[in-house]
Amino acid sequence: MNDVLKVARIRKGITQKELAVSIGVTSKYISLIESKDIKPSPNIMQKIANCVDVPVQELFFRNICG
């Protein structure tokens, strides 16, 4: 599960649906990202990062090297 994204989204006070609408995807897509069933495109990663005010690297690449 992408806990960093989920926590950032909740801290920002937005639902999966609100995030989805703001970046032009479905809430199911956000759910799949949060459950790590899919990896979003770099473009979507950046849109999400902008919405939750967390860098892309922290949201999606935090544990790759350790």
Protein backbone atom coordinates (compact mmCIF):
# COMPACT_ATOMS: atom_id res chain seq x y z
CA MET A 1 0.00 0.00 0.00
CA ASN A 2 1.18 3.51 -0.75
CA ASP A 3 0.80 4.80 2.78
CA VAL A 4 2.75 7.98 2.01
CA LEU A 5 0.20 9.00 -0.61
CA LYS A 6 -2.76 8.05 1.56
CA VAL A 7 -1.41 9.96 4.57
CA ALA A 8 -0.55 13.00 2.44
CA ARG A 9 -4.01 12.99 0.88
CA ILE A 10 -5.73 12.72 4.26
CA ARG A 11 -3.53 15.45 5.76
CA LYS A 12 -4.54 17.67 2.88
CA GLY A 13 -8.17 16.94 3.75
CA ILE A 14 -9.18 15.48 0.40
CA THR A 15 -10.91 12.25 -0.51
CA GLN A 16 -9.85 9.84 -3.21
CA LYS A 17 -12.72 11.15 -5.32
CA GLU A 18 -11.71 14.79 -4.86
CA LEU A 19 -8.10 13.99 -5.77
CA ALA A 20 -9.24 12.01 -8.78
CA VAL A 21 -11.46 14.81 -10.07
CA SER A 22 -8.72 17.39 -9.61
CA ILE A 23 -6.24 15.42 -11.75
CA GLY A 24 -8.70 13.98 -14.28
CA VAL A 25 -8.83 10.31 -13.31
CA THR A 26 -11.31 8.06 -11.51
CA SER A 27 -11.41 7.42 -7.78
CA LYS A 28 -10.88 3.73 -8.60
CA TYR A 29 -7.59 4.70 -10.26
CA ILE A 30 -6.49 6.54 -7.09
CA SER A 31 -7.49 3.50 -5.04
CA LEU A 32 -5.38 1.25 -7.28
CA ILE A 33 -2.40 3.58 -6.87
CA GLU A 34 -2.79 3.65 -3.09
CA SER A 35 -3.00 -0.15 -2.97
CA LYS A 36 0.05 -0.37 -5.29
CA ASP A 37 -1.88 -2.42 -7.84
CA ILE A 38 -0.73 -0.01 -10.54
CA LYS A 39 2.06 2.51 -10.99
CA PRO A 40 0.89 5.81 -12.46
CA SER A 41 2.58 7.56 -15.35
CA PRO A 42 5.13 10.27 -14.54
CA ASN A 43 2.57 12.88 -15.60
CA ILE A 44 -0.04 11.57 -13.14
CA MET A 45 2.61 11.25 -10.41
CA GLN A 46 3.43 14.94 -10.81
CA LYS A 47 -0.23 15.97 -10.76
CA ILE A 48 -0.80 13.99 -7.56
CA ALA A 49 2.33 15.45 -5.97
CA ASN A 50 1.17 18.96 -6.81
CA CYS A 51 -2.26 18.32 -5.28
CA VAL A 52 -0.96 16.92 -1.99
CA ASP A 53 2.11 19.20 -1.77
CA VAL A 54 4.60 16.33 -1.44
CA PRO A 55 7.51 15.73 -3.83
CA VAL A 56 7.09 12.93 -6.38
CA GLN A 57 10.19 11.18 -5.04
CA GLU A 58 8.75 11.00 -1.54
CA LEU A 59 5.36 9.78 -2.73
CA PHE A 60 6.45 7.11 -5.19
CA PHE A 61 10.15 6.33 -4.83
CA ARG A 62 10.78 6.53 -1.10
CA ASN A 63 11.91 2.92 -0.49
CA ILE A 64 13.60 2.02 -3.77
CA CYS A 65 17.19 2.40 -2.52
CA GLY A 66 16.80 1.46 1.07
